[in-house]
Each structure stands twice: as C-alpha cells, then as structure tokens.
Amino acid sequence: MTTTPTTLPLSIESQQHALILAAGNFRLRIAFPSPAIARITVTQGKPFQETASRIVTSTQCFTDFSVKQTAERFTITTPCLTLEVSRETAAIRYLDSHGRLLVAEAAHSKSLTPKAITRNVFAKQAAVAADQSIDGARAKAGEFETVFDREVFEATLEFDWAKDEALFGLGSHEEGVGNLRGQSRHLYQQNMKMVVPHLVSTKGYSLLWDCGSLMTFHDDQEGSFWWADAVDELDYYFLNGGDFDGVTRLYHELTGHAPLLPKWAFGFIQSKERYVNAAELIDVVSEYRRRAIPLDGIVLDWKSWPNGAGWGQKSFDPIRFPDPAAMTAQLHALDAHLMVSIWPIMTGDCPNQREMQEHDAMPTLLGSSASRALRPWCRCLVVRLHRALRSRLVWCTKARAGRAHAHQHRGRRHVSRSHTNQHLFLAPFARHL
C-alpha cells in the first residue's frame, strides 16, 4: 500500500495560485476557491489532473492566503479559515477564523493504492444475450478483450470527529437514519438510492468529495474514514459556512445554482407500478377528489410509449394516450399535476434509439440498450425530448441513470473504466435542464 510519507518531511514545492507541498513523489496541493473554501488534492507519482470536474463548476481562485512554517507544521490562513498541515504525516487540522478547531484528519490519514483501470474491446460480431429485468431490457455481449486503460488509485481519508458532533448528508439511501455518526454508507447510484458526496457537520462545516466512483463512509469504533474505489487523485473540499445555511451557500458557489422544486412537489404524489391509459389516470385523480383526500400529483411511470415501438421511446402511445394535452388539462382542472418518468434505456429499434446510435450516444452493438449519459449528444437529445413533453404541460422526471452493484470491492487491483463515473450520470442532465 502507498500512504502518506512518514520519513521525509513535507517541503514547499510551489506557492503561487496554490500551495503545493511535496515529499519524494508524494504531493499535496491546497487551493482556495474562496476564503471560506479549501480544496485539497493529493497525488503520488503522477501530475495533478487538469480535466474539468463533473461535480464542481466554480472556476474562482482566492490567492491572498498566507503561509507560515515551523519544524512541525505549515499554517495556511485566509480571512475565514486556517489549515495546519503536519510536515511528518500530511494530516490537516481545520480551524475557523477565531482559531477554534472544526475537525482534524487522523495522522497518516491519506492512503493511495495504485490499481489498473481496464476497458473491454468487443469483437465486431460479438454474440449478444438479451435479458428482461424489472429495470427493462438488458443485453450482455461476449467475445471481448480486456485491455489496460490507465492507472488510478484506491483512496482512503481518515478523520477524528468530535464526540458531540453530528453528521448529515451523502444523498438519499432509504435507511431512515439522519445522523450518520456510528453508521456506514455504501455510496453508489442505484434504483432507490441517490449519491451526493457532501457531508455536513453540526459544527458549521462540510466536506465535498469530487469523486465519481464507488465510495464508502464509515464511522464507528473500528475507525472513521471515507474510501473511494477508483480515483485519478484524492480530491476534496472543506467548506466553512458557520451553519447549515452558510454551508449550503458555499456548496452552491462550488456546484452551481440549484432551483427549488415547485411547492406542489412537496405534497402527496400518487404512484404505482403503472397506469395503462389516460382514462385510468383521470379516474384515479377523480376518486381522490370524490373522497376529499388531498393529492398534489400523479406519476405516469413506464410504458407510456407506443406499443411495439421499443422500450423507452419518448413519445406517448396514440391509442392509450390519444390527446396528451387534453389529458393534462383535465388533470390540471382537477387541481393535480402529472409527472412522467422517462427512461435512459431504449430498445426495439425505436426512433430515439436509432438517433442515439447515429450520434454515438448509444452503442450500435446488437442488443445494446443503455445510453451513454456522459456524451453531449445524449444529454442534448434527452433534454430536447423533455422540452417537447413539457410543451404539452407535462412535468417530467428522469429515471435512474445507471446500474450499480451494492457489494463492495475494497482491495481489487483492477476495475472497469465505468467504475470511475458510477454516480455522475445525473449531474450533466441536471445542468442541461
């Protein structure tokens, strides 16, 4: 395992727009997007990455920070933050502008273990086995060669949380737990799970990890750490907001404006496995009104597309939903909203699938159904279709964007290239919308 240096003390390599500390081939960079936000990046034996983040959109850079050094530590100060970096262990203590300790990393807390990223190269005439699951049609292909893509790291970062500190966040995981102290969370995007790698403390700060791979948050008597399966570098942000509102403001500074959902979306929304036609939707809402049961919206889930057109086509079946605009108007007259679930997979040689394949937004391999969510054309097409539906007064929500695995893979020496972006599919769609 490769870890932070223990014999070579850190020294200053560069101090211009950011402070770079080095020991051997270990490098730690501290930059400030704002006086209240510190970005920490760690690498070993390779340069810092220059690729654009899929999570952080801010390009701001605060450079008016001061650096002092002693035999034991470096002290980096802005008007809102002080960071103390141990020269022997690279562990960081985070303090507010009054010198109060907010949180400390454990000694020798940063671990980087090299591992290989691979990708599969399929034969042109690869055999494809089709499968039908609860999430729709799937396809598996054989006859492929696994080749080396690049080297990444398995990363771990350990913390010493305060005993009276509560931690919240990391997305929606349905366990019914608020405070994450004493808990473990396996962070992966999946049906019924949504990852937001942002951890908020009752001490008025938060941590944001710029990471797209499988992750784990862990806190108990065995230790307190954050673990990532495959990263090009250890890259995270410390946000000192003073309170939850301040942290939220700083989070928006980094990741972009997040418009609130309309008020009705916070009310009661009726959904079931599917409604077969427009008449059933209207009948259900009418029955709620007859019984005087409050209802704000109803969800039209899968199979709204034309019969025989292929799974995931982004248009209504003309027989079961002959007049979507009139259907929506009737629901609105009943004081209810309509939410339509649109799917990222497309099958059956439907028009949307063909257009995706023509623009390399979906594999042309026989039986392929999953769209390439990180390709610009894929996002543009989905957004265009979304807007076409909205022109009929339909509120749309995007279905889960990818498949993940719940089991953990700590210690693997090889991972697929897709594992580096497992939970990043929703962010680019949200920005386009």
Protein backbone atom coordinates (compact mmCIF):
# COMPACT_ATOMS: atom_id res chain seq x y z
CA MET A 1 0.00 0.00 0.00
CA THR A 2 1.15 3.55 -0.77
CA THR A 3 0.49 6.01 2.04
CA THR A 4 1.48 9.47 3.14
CA PRO A 5 5.20 9.93 3.84
CA THR A 6 6.49 9.08 7.31
CA THR A 7 10.25 9.58 6.94
CA LEU A 8 10.54 12.52 4.57
CA PRO A 9 9.10 15.80 5.92
CA LEU A 10 6.97 17.87 3.59
CA SER A 11 8.53 20.92 2.00
CA ILE A 12 7.15 23.73 -0.16
CA GLU A 13 7.37 22.98 -3.88
CA SER A 14 5.30 25.91 -5.14
CA GLN A 15 3.39 28.83 -3.62
CA GLN A 16 1.69 30.81 -6.38
CA HIS A 17 -2.03 30.28 -7.06
CA ALA A 18 -1.98 27.31 -4.68
CA LEU A 19 0.35 25.85 -2.08
CA ILE A 20 1.99 22.60 -3.18
CA LEU A 21 3.79 20.52 -0.57
CA ALA A 22 5.98 17.58 -1.56
CA ALA A 23 7.95 14.68 -0.07
CA GLY A 24 9.53 12.29 -2.56
CA ASN A 25 6.87 11.58 -5.19
CA PHE A 26 4.02 12.44 -2.77
CA ARG A 27 2.39 15.81 -3.49
CA LEU A 28 -0.33 17.68 -1.61
CA ARG A 29 -1.95 20.79 -3.09
CA ILE A 30 -4.05 23.31 -1.15
CA ALA A 31 -6.06 25.86 -3.12
CA PHE A 32 -8.88 28.22 -2.18
CA PRO A 33 -11.88 28.70 -4.50
CA SER A 34 -12.95 31.33 -1.92
CA PRO A 35 -11.69 32.48 1.50
CA ALA A 36 -14.11 30.01 3.16
CA ILE A 37 -13.43 27.00 0.91
CA ALA A 38 -10.25 24.94 0.77
CA ARG A 39 -9.60 22.40 -1.97
CA ILE A 40 -7.24 19.56 -1.04
CA THR A 41 -5.72 17.43 -3.79
CA VAL A 42 -3.29 14.55 -3.23
CA THR A 43 -1.37 12.50 -5.78
CA GLN A 44 1.53 10.08 -5.80
CA GLY A 45 4.00 9.62 -8.66
CA LYS A 46 1.85 11.40 -11.27
CA PRO A 47 0.90 15.02 -12.03
CA PHE A 48 -2.26 16.68 -10.77
CA GLN A 49 -5.21 16.24 -13.11
CA GLU A 50 -6.20 19.07 -15.45
CA THR A 51 -9.54 17.62 -16.58
CA ALA A 52 -12.73 19.54 -15.80
CA SER A 53 -14.79 18.35 -12.84
CA ARG A 54 -18.25 16.87 -13.41
CA ILE A 55 -19.31 17.97 -9.91
CA VAL A 56 -17.69 21.36 -9.28
CA THR A 57 -18.41 24.19 -11.72
CA SER A 58 -16.70 27.10 -9.95
CA THR A 59 -13.52 28.49 -11.53
CA GLN A 60 -12.91 31.08 -8.79
CA CYS A 61 -9.49 31.22 -7.15
CA PHE A 62 -8.62 33.13 -3.97
CA THR A 63 -4.85 33.69 -3.80
CA ASP A 64 -4.44 36.17 -0.92
CA PHE A 65 -3.58 33.50 1.65
CA SER A 66 -0.59 33.48 3.98
CA VAL A 67 1.79 30.61 4.74
CA LYS A 68 3.91 30.16 7.84
CA GLN A 69 6.11 27.19 8.61
CA THR A 70 7.80 25.70 11.62
CA ALA A 71 9.68 22.46 12.11
CA GLU A 72 6.37 20.71 12.88
CA ARG A 73 3.78 22.23 10.56
CA PHE A 74 2.69 24.59 7.81
CA THR A 75 -0.05 27.08 8.71
CA ILE A 76 -2.12 28.43 5.83
CA THR A 77 -4.54 31.26 6.63
CA THR A 78 -7.35 33.11 4.84
CA PRO A 79 -9.83 35.59 6.39
CA CYS A 80 -12.22 32.65 7.06
CA LEU A 81 -10.04 29.58 7.53
CA THR A 82 -6.79 28.27 8.97
CA LEU A 83 -5.28 24.96 7.90
CA GLU A 84 -2.46 23.36 9.87
CA VAL A 85 -0.58 20.68 7.92
CA SER A 86 1.74 18.28 9.73
CA ARG A 87 5.11 18.10 7.98
CA GLU A 88 5.60 14.50 9.11
CA THR A 89 2.17 12.97 8.41
CA ALA A 90 0.41 15.40 5.98
CA ALA A 91 -2.64 15.34 8.28
CA ILE A 92 -4.62 18.59 8.25
CA ARG A 93 -6.35 20.41 11.11
CA TYR A 94 -9.13 22.80 10.04
CA LEU A 95 -9.81 25.87 12.21
CA ASP A 96 -12.19 28.81 11.86
CA SER A 97 -11.14 32.46 11.82
CA HIS A 98 -11.17 32.54 15.65
CA GLY A 99 -8.80 29.60 15.93
CA ARG A 100 -11.47 27.09 17.00
CA LEU A 101 -10.84 23.55 15.79
CA LEU A 102 -13.56 22.35 13.42
CA VAL A 103 -12.18 18.92 12.52
CA ALA A 104 -8.86 17.13 12.22
CA GLU A 105 -7.65 14.43 9.90
CA ALA A 106 -6.07 11.44 11.59
CA ALA A 107 -2.29 11.07 11.46
CA HIS A 108 -1.16 9.32 8.26
CA SER A 109 -4.78 9.54 7.18
CA LYS A 110 -4.30 9.75 3.42
CA SER A 111 -3.82 6.43 1.64
CA LEU A 112 -3.34 5.96 -2.11
CA THR A 113 -3.05 2.44 -3.51
CA PRO A 114 -2.38 2.09 -7.27
CA LYS A 115 -4.76 -0.04 -9.32
CA ALA A 116 -5.38 -0.56 -13.02
CA ILE A 117 -8.38 0.68 -14.99
CA THR A 118 -9.37 -1.63 -17.83
CA ARG A 119 -11.86 -1.48 -20.69
CA ASN A 120 -13.46 -4.13 -22.84
CA VAL A 121 -12.92 -4.15 -26.60
CA PHE A 122 -15.71 -6.14 -28.26
CA ALA A 123 -15.47 -8.16 -31.44
CA LYS A 124 -17.46 -6.69 -34.32
CA GLN A 125 -19.69 -9.77 -34.49
CA ALA A 126 -19.93 -10.38 -30.74
CA ALA A 127 -22.82 -12.59 -29.67
CA VAL A 128 -25.41 -10.81 -27.56
CA ALA A 129 -27.68 -12.39 -24.96
CA ALA A 130 -30.87 -10.44 -24.23
CA ASP A 131 -32.38 -10.27 -20.75
CA GLN A 132 -35.51 -8.70 -19.30
CA SER A 133 -35.44 -7.30 -15.76
CA ILE A 134 -37.55 -5.03 -13.60
CA ASP A 135 -35.48 -2.14 -14.96
CA GLY A 136 -36.25 -3.06 -18.55
CA ALA A 137 -34.39 -4.83 -21.33
CA ARG A 138 -30.71 -5.60 -20.83
CA ALA A 139 -28.09 -7.06 -23.12
CA LYS A 140 -24.86 -8.92 -22.39
CA ALA A 141 -22.20 -9.46 -25.06
CA GLY A 142 -19.39 -11.97 -25.22
CA GLU A 143 -16.23 -12.17 -27.33
CA PHE A 144 -14.29 -9.24 -25.98
CA GLU A 145 -10.73 -8.46 -24.94
CA THR A 146 -9.93 -6.63 -21.70
CA VAL A 147 -7.16 -4.08 -22.19
CA PHE A 148 -5.33 -1.66 -19.87
CA ASP A 149 -6.66 1.92 -19.91
CA ARG A 150 -4.77 3.82 -17.20
CA GLU A 151 -3.60 3.65 -13.60
CA VAL A 152 -5.71 5.14 -10.80
CA PHE A 153 -5.76 4.94 -7.01
CA GLU A 154 -7.89 3.33 -4.37
CA ALA A 155 -8.08 6.13 -1.79
CA THR A 156 -8.79 6.40 1.93
CA LEU A 157 -9.05 9.52 4.11
CA GLU A 158 -9.46 9.23 7.90
CA PHE A 159 -10.92 11.80 10.32
CA ASP A 160 -11.13 12.39 14.06
CA TRP A 161 -14.72 13.60 14.56
CA ALA A 162 -15.66 15.32 17.83
CA LYS A 163 -17.75 13.24 20.25
CA ASP A 164 -20.59 15.79 20.33
CA GLU A 165 -20.63 16.26 16.54
CA ALA A 166 -23.46 15.09 14.28
CA LEU A 167 -23.03 14.46 10.55
CA PHE A 168 -25.69 14.54 7.82
CA GLY A 169 -25.92 14.18 4.06
CA LEU A 170 -24.43 11.88 1.39
CA GLY A 171 -27.70 11.60 -0.53
CA SER A 172 -30.87 9.53 -0.22
CA HIS A 173 -30.39 5.93 0.93
CA GLU A 174 -33.75 4.96 2.49
CA GLU A 175 -32.36 3.60 5.76
CA GLY A 176 -34.31 6.16 7.77
CA VAL A 177 -31.18 7.41 9.55
CA GLY A 178 -30.44 11.12 9.93
CA ASN A 179 -27.27 11.49 11.98
CA LEU A 180 -24.55 9.39 10.34
CA ARG A 181 -22.36 9.06 13.43
CA GLY A 182 -21.76 5.40 14.16
CA GLN A 183 -23.03 4.45 10.70
CA SER A 184 -21.68 3.13 7.40
CA ARG A 185 -22.93 4.18 3.98
CA HIS A 186 -22.06 2.46 0.71
CA LEU A 187 -22.35 5.22 -1.87
CA TYR A 188 -23.41 4.15 -5.35
CA GLN A 189 -26.13 5.31 -7.73
CA GLN A 190 -28.95 2.77 -7.96
CA ASN A 191 -32.69 2.44 -8.19
CA MET A 192 -34.00 3.91 -4.88
CA LYS A 193 -30.55 5.32 -3.98
CA MET A 194 -29.03 8.68 -4.90
CA VAL A 195 -25.49 9.77 -4.08
CA VAL A 196 -24.50 13.32 -3.16
CA PRO A 197 -20.90 13.11 -1.83
CA HIS A 198 -21.42 16.06 0.53
CA LEU A 199 -21.16 15.58 4.32
CA VAL A 200 -22.47 18.35 6.59
CA SER A 201 -21.49 18.82 10.26
CA THR A 202 -23.35 20.47 13.12
CA LYS A 203 -20.10 22.35 13.76
CA GLY A 204 -20.85 24.51 10.72
CA TYR A 205 -18.60 22.99 8.08
CA SER A 206 -18.96 20.41 5.33
CA LEU A 207 -16.83 18.14 3.15
CA LEU A 208 -17.42 17.61 -0.56
CA TRP A 209 -15.62 14.81 -2.43
CA ASP A 210 -15.05 15.30 -6.15
CA CYS A 211 -15.35 11.61 -6.93
CA GLY A 212 -17.45 9.55 -9.32
CA SER A 213 -16.55 6.04 -8.23
CA LEU A 214 -17.99 3.67 -5.66
CA MET A 215 -17.44 5.13 -2.18
CA THR A 216 -17.90 4.22 1.47
CA PHE A 217 -18.44 6.44 4.51
CA HIS A 218 -17.63 4.65 7.77
CA ASP A 219 -17.72 5.80 11.40
CA ASP A 220 -17.57 3.51 14.44
CA GLN A 221 -15.14 2.07 16.96
CA GLU A 222 -13.23 0.46 14.09
CA GLY A 223 -12.39 3.88 12.64
CA SER A 224 -13.77 6.91 10.84
CA PHE A 225 -12.94 7.20 7.17
CA TRP A 226 -14.03 7.89 3.63
CA TRP A 227 -12.99 5.33 1.00
CA ALA A 228 -13.08 5.55 -2.82
CA ASP A 229 -12.73 2.65 -5.22
CA ALA A 230 -11.02 4.33 -8.18
CA VAL A 231 -9.82 7.95 -8.42
CA ASP A 232 -7.19 9.69 -10.52
CA GLU A 233 -6.28 11.67 -7.40
CA LEU A 234 -7.65 12.30 -3.93
CA ASP A 235 -9.67 15.49 -4.40
CA TYR A 236 -11.97 17.03 -1.77
CA TYR A 237 -13.23 20.39 -0.49
CA PHE A 238 -13.59 21.78 3.03
CA LEU A 239 -16.38 24.38 3.35
CA ASN A 240 -16.59 26.59 6.43
CA GLY A 241 -20.08 28.09 6.33
CA GLY A 242 -20.60 28.67 10.06
CA ASP A 243 -24.02 26.98 9.97
CA PHE A 244 -26.17 24.88 7.63
CA ASP A 245 -27.35 27.90 5.63
CA GLY A 246 -23.79 29.11 5.18
CA VAL A 247 -22.61 25.67 4.10
CA THR A 248 -25.46 25.47 1.57
CA ARG A 249 -24.48 28.85 0.12
CA LEU A 250 -20.86 27.72 -0.29
CA TYR A 251 -21.99 24.43 -1.82
CA HIS A 252 -23.95 26.38 -4.43
CA GLU A 253 -20.87 28.52 -5.09
CA LEU A 254 -18.95 25.37 -5.97
CA THR A 255 -21.55 23.31 -7.80
CA GLY A 256 -23.91 25.88 -9.32
CA HIS A 257 -27.38 27.20 -8.63
CA ALA A 258 -29.97 24.58 -7.67
CA PRO A 259 -33.55 25.78 -8.30
CA LEU A 260 -36.14 24.57 -5.82
CA LEU A 261 -38.88 22.18 -6.87
CA PRO A 262 -42.36 23.75 -7.13
CA LYS A 263 -44.39 23.74 -3.93
CA TRP A 264 -46.75 21.01 -5.15
CA ALA A 265 -43.82 18.56 -5.41
CA PHE A 266 -43.54 18.65 -1.60
CA GLY A 267 -47.12 17.42 -1.22
CA PHE A 268 -48.66 13.97 -1.65
CA ILE A 269 -47.92 12.33 -5.01
CA GLN A 270 -49.73 9.15 -6.06
CA SER A 271 -47.78 6.48 -7.94
CA LYS A 272 -47.99 2.78 -8.66
CA GLU A 273 -46.28 0.26 -10.94
CA ARG A 274 -48.04 1.82 -13.98
CA TYR A 275 -51.26 3.34 -15.26
CA VAL A 276 -52.28 1.80 -18.57
CA ASN A 277 -54.04 4.76 -20.20
CA ALA A 278 -55.24 8.33 -19.85
CA ALA A 279 -58.67 7.30 -18.59
CA GLU A 280 -57.17 5.43 -15.64
CA LEU A 281 -55.04 8.43 -14.65
CA ILE A 282 -58.05 10.73 -14.69
CA ASP A 283 -60.29 8.20 -12.88
CA VAL A 284 -57.77 7.79 -10.05
CA VAL A 285 -57.42 11.54 -9.50
CA SER A 286 -61.21 11.98 -9.71
CA GLU A 287 -61.66 9.33 -7.00
CA TYR A 288 -59.23 11.16 -4.72
CA ARG A 289 -61.27 14.32 -5.19
CA ARG A 290 -64.57 12.47 -4.60
CA ARG A 291 -63.24 11.15 -1.28
CA ALA A 292 -61.79 14.57 -0.38
CA ILE A 293 -58.30 13.09 0.06
CA PRO A 294 -55.57 15.69 -0.60
CA LEU A 295 -53.49 14.94 -3.71
CA ASP A 296 -50.93 17.15 -5.47
CA GLY A 297 -49.73 14.98 -8.34
CA ILE A 298 -49.82 11.60 -10.04
CA VAL A 299 -46.96 9.70 -11.70
CA LEU A 300 -47.14 8.05 -15.09
CA ASP A 301 -44.33 5.51 -14.89
CA TRP A 302 -43.09 3.11 -17.55
CA LYS A 303 -44.71 2.05 -20.81
CA SER A 304 -46.25 5.37 -21.75
CA TRP A 305 -44.51 4.87 -25.12
CA PRO A 306 -46.26 3.40 -28.20
CA ASN A 307 -46.97 -0.33 -28.10
CA GLY A 308 -44.40 -2.16 -30.21
CA ALA A 309 -42.17 0.90 -30.56
CA GLY A 310 -39.49 -0.34 -28.20
CA TRP A 311 -38.77 0.27 -24.55
CA GLY A 312 -38.01 3.87 -23.63
CA GLN A 313 -39.30 5.73 -26.69
CA LYS A 314 -40.00 9.32 -25.58
CA SER A 315 -43.49 9.69 -27.06
CA PHE A 316 -46.99 8.69 -25.96
CA ASP A 317 -48.89 5.69 -27.29
CA PRO A 318 -51.52 7.23 -29.64
CA ILE A 319 -54.22 4.71 -28.66
CA ARG A 320 -53.84 4.69 -24.87
CA PHE A 321 -52.94 8.39 -24.68
CA PRO A 322 -54.61 9.87 -27.78
CA ASP A 323 -54.50 13.52 -26.65
CA PRO A 324 -51.79 14.17 -24.04
CA ALA A 325 -52.52 17.89 -23.92
CA ALA A 326 -56.22 17.32 -23.21
CA MET A 327 -55.38 14.64 -20.63
CA THR A 328 -53.04 17.02 -18.84
CA ALA A 329 -55.61 19.81 -18.99
CA GLN A 330 -58.19 17.54 -17.33
CA LEU A 331 -55.74 16.67 -14.56
CA HIS A 332 -54.99 20.35 -14.05
CA ALA A 333 -58.72 21.07 -13.90
CA LEU A 334 -58.82 18.55 -11.05
CA ASP A 335 -56.03 20.58 -9.42
CA ALA A 336 -53.44 17.81 -9.89
CA HIS A 337 -50.09 17.73 -11.65
CA LEU A 338 -48.72 15.00 -13.90
CA MET A 339 -45.21 13.61 -13.56
CA VAL A 340 -43.91 11.38 -16.37
CA SER A 341 -40.96 9.05 -15.86
CA ILE A 342 -38.66 8.93 -18.87
CA TRP A 343 -36.09 6.18 -19.27
CA PRO A 344 -32.41 6.27 -20.26
CA ILE A 345 -32.55 2.85 -21.96
CA MET A 346 -34.04 2.34 -25.41
CA THR A 347 -34.68 -0.91 -27.29
CA GLY A 348 -36.58 -2.34 -30.23
CA ASP A 349 -35.06 -0.13 -32.91
CA CYS A 350 -37.29 2.75 -31.83
CA PRO A 351 -36.71 6.22 -33.36
CA ASN A 352 -34.99 7.55 -30.23
CA GLN A 353 -32.64 4.56 -30.17
CA ARG A 354 -31.70 4.99 -33.84
CA GLU A 355 -31.00 8.69 -33.35
CA MET A 356 -28.83 7.92 -30.32
CA GLN A 357 -26.84 5.36 -32.28
CA GLU A 358 -26.39 7.67 -35.26
CA HIS A 359 -24.69 10.22 -32.99
CA ASP A 360 -22.60 7.69 -31.00
CA ALA A 361 -24.71 8.31 -27.89
CA MET A 362 -25.57 4.61 -27.66
CA PRO A 363 -23.55 1.54 -28.70
CA THR A 364 -24.57 0.03 -32.05
CA LEU A 365 -23.72 -3.46 -30.78
CA LEU A 366 -26.72 -5.70 -31.38
CA GLY A 367 -29.00 -5.62 -28.37
CA SER A 368 -27.39 -2.57 -26.72
CA SER A 369 -29.92 -0.51 -24.79
CA ALA A 370 -28.04 1.80 -22.40
CA SER A 371 -27.45 5.38 -23.49
CA ARG A 372 -24.02 6.94 -22.96
CA ALA A 373 -25.12 9.51 -20.42
CA LEU A 374 -21.81 11.40 -20.38
CA ARG A 375 -21.83 12.02 -24.14
CA PRO A 376 -23.01 15.58 -25.01
CA TRP A 377 -25.38 14.46 -27.77
CA CYS A 378 -27.11 12.02 -25.44
CA ARG A 379 -27.84 14.81 -22.99
CA CYS A 380 -28.98 17.18 -25.75
CA LEU A 381 -31.41 14.62 -27.15
CA VAL A 382 -32.93 13.80 -23.77
CA VAL A 383 -33.30 17.50 -22.96
CA ARG A 384 -34.93 18.17 -26.35
CA LEU A 385 -37.41 15.35 -25.79
CA HIS A 386 -38.02 16.55 -22.24
CA ARG A 387 -38.88 20.02 -23.54
CA ALA A 388 -41.18 18.55 -26.17
CA LEU A 389 -43.13 16.80 -23.43
CA ARG A 390 -43.21 19.96 -21.32
CA SER A 391 -44.73 21.82 -24.25
CA ARG A 392 -47.77 19.62 -23.57
CA LEU A 393 -47.85 20.86 -19.98
CA VAL A 394 -46.20 17.71 -18.63
CA TRP A 395 -43.75 17.81 -15.75
CA CYS A 396 -41.01 15.25 -16.34
CA THR A 397 -38.65 13.47 -14.05
CA LYS A 398 -35.67 11.46 -15.22
CA ALA A 399 -35.45 7.85 -14.14
CA ARG A 400 -32.34 6.39 -12.57
CA ALA A 401 -29.47 6.79 -14.94
CA GLY A 402 -27.35 3.75 -14.42
CA ARG A 403 -26.87 0.38 -12.80
CA ALA A 404 -24.56 -0.21 -9.87
CA HIS A 405 -23.59 -3.03 -7.57
CA ALA A 406 -24.23 -2.98 -3.85
CA HIS A 407 -21.33 -5.21 -2.95
CA GLN A 408 -18.02 -3.60 -2.06
CA HIS A 409 -14.74 -4.11 -3.88
CA ARG A 410 -12.09 -3.00 -1.44
CA GLY A 411 -8.68 -4.34 -2.35
CA ARG A 412 -9.37 -5.05 -6.04
CA ARG A 413 -6.34 -4.37 -8.20
CA HIS A 414 -8.27 -3.98 -11.45
CA VAL A 415 -11.56 -2.18 -12.13
CA SER A 416 -13.56 -1.33 -15.24
CA ARG A 417 -13.32 2.17 -16.69
CA SER A 418 -17.03 2.69 -15.99
CA HIS A 419 -16.38 2.37 -12.23
CA THR A 420 -14.74 5.81 -12.17
CA ASN A 421 -18.05 7.50 -13.14
CA GLN A 422 -20.65 5.32 -11.43
CA HIS A 423 -22.71 8.08 -9.84
CA LEU A 424 -22.07 11.06 -12.13
CA PHE A 425 -24.82 10.45 -14.69
CA LEU A 426 -27.43 12.79 -13.21
CA ALA A 427 -25.28 15.93 -12.87
CA PRO A 428 -24.82 16.70 -16.60
CA PHE A 429 -28.52 16.12 -17.29
CA ALA A 430 -29.48 18.48 -14.46
CA ARG A 431 -27.22 21.20 -15.87
CA HIS A 432 -28.71 20.83 -19.34
CA LEU A 433 -32.24 21.05 -17.94
